[in-house]
Protein backbone atom coordinates (compact mmCIF):
# COMPACT_ATOMS: atom_id res chain seq x y z
CA MET A 1 -121.84 46.18 1.33
CA ALA A 2 -119.71 44.35 -0.96
CA SER A 3 -117.04 47.59 -1.70
CA LEU A 4 -116.46 47.80 2.44
CA VAL A 5 -115.71 43.60 2.24
CA GLY A 6 -113.39 44.25 -0.29
CA GLU A 7 -111.45 46.78 0.88
CA PHE A 8 -111.11 45.15 4.40
CA VAL A 9 -109.93 41.86 2.23
CA GLU A 10 -107.61 44.44 0.66
CA LYS A 11 -106.11 45.67 3.57
CA LEU A 12 -105.33 42.50 5.20
CA VAL A 13 -103.88 40.94 2.18
CA GLU A 14 -101.60 44.06 1.73
CA GLY A 15 -100.38 44.35 5.42
CA ALA A 16 -99.35 40.06 5.21
CA LEU A 17 -97.30 41.05 1.85
CA ARG A 18 -95.86 43.93 4.18
CA GLU A 19 -95.34 42.10 6.85
CA VAL A 20 -93.61 39.26 5.32
CA LEU A 21 -91.71 41.09 3.07
CA LYS A 22 -90.91 43.23 6.19
CA LYS A 23 -88.85 40.27 7.34
CA THR A 24 -87.48 38.67 4.40
CA THR A 25 -85.02 41.84 3.43
CA GLY A 26 -81.25 40.48 3.69
CA ARG A 27 -80.68 39.69 7.12
CA THR A 28 -77.16 37.87 8.37
CA THR A 29 -75.58 36.43 10.86
CA THR A 30 -73.45 39.01 12.68
CA ARG A 31 -69.62 37.93 12.96
CA ARG A 32 -67.70 37.96 15.91
CA ARG A 33 -64.72 40.34 15.88
CA LYS A 34 -61.48 38.79 17.00
CA ARG A 35 -59.04 41.25 19.21
CA GLN A 36 -56.81 42.95 18.17
CA ALA A 37 -53.42 41.81 19.62
CA ARG A 38 -51.36 44.62 21.61
CA SER A 39 -47.53 45.27 21.44
CA ALA A 40 -46.02 44.23 25.08
CA THR A 41 -43.59 46.94 25.53
CA THR A 42 -45.92 50.05 23.63
CA GLY A 43 -49.40 49.09 24.33
CA ARG A 44 -50.27 49.70 20.33
CA PHE A 45 -52.02 47.79 18.14
CA VAL A 46 -49.56 45.55 16.29
CA ARG A 47 -50.27 43.95 12.86
CA LYS A 48 -50.62 40.22 13.20
CA LYS A 49 -47.50 38.15 11.01
CA THR A 50 -48.93 36.39 8.55
CA THR A 51 -47.49 32.94 8.34
CA ALA A 52 -46.25 31.37 5.07
CA ALA A 53 -48.52 29.37 3.24
CA ARG A 54 -48.85 25.85 3.50
CA LYS A 55 -47.60 23.28 1.23
CA PRO A 56 -50.31 21.03 -0.30
CA ALA A 57 -50.73 17.78 0.94
CA ARG A 58 -48.50 14.98 -0.42
CA LYS A 59 -50.25 12.71 -3.57
CA GLN A 60 -51.29 9.24 -1.44
CA VAL A 61 -49.46 6.64 -3.55
CA SER A 62 -50.46 2.99 -3.42
CA LYS A 63 -48.24 1.04 -1.09
CA ARG A 64 -48.68 -2.42 -3.25
CA ARG A 65 -45.31 -4.02 -3.69
CA THR A 66 -43.96 -4.60 -6.83
CA ALA A 67 -44.08 -8.75 -8.02
CA ALA A 68 -40.18 -8.32 -7.88
CA LYS A 69 -40.24 -7.15 -3.87
CA ARG A 70 -42.50 -9.94 -2.90
CA SER A 71 -40.17 -12.92 -4.48
CA LYS A 72 -37.35 -11.07 -2.48
CA GLN A 73 -39.80 -10.87 0.49
CA ARG A 74 -40.38 -14.73 -0.32
CA SER A 75 -37.06 -15.80 -0.35
CA ARG A 76 -36.00 -14.76 3.52
C-alpha cells in the first residue's frame, strides 16, 4: 500500500516537472519581417541604399552670460 502511494506521488511530481520544463524551453517572440523593396522598372528585389551614419548630437553648452556681456547689456 505504501509503495503504491509512493509510486503515485512520484509519477505526479515527475509529470508536473516535465510540464514545467516543457514550457520554459526558450520561447522568444516572433520578429516581424519587413517587406522587400522591388525595383519599379524590373520588378526584382533591390537592396536598399544605406544612409550615411548620423553625426552625434552637439554637446550642450551653457548659455549663461559672462560678466563682460552682462555689463555691456546693462549699459544699453
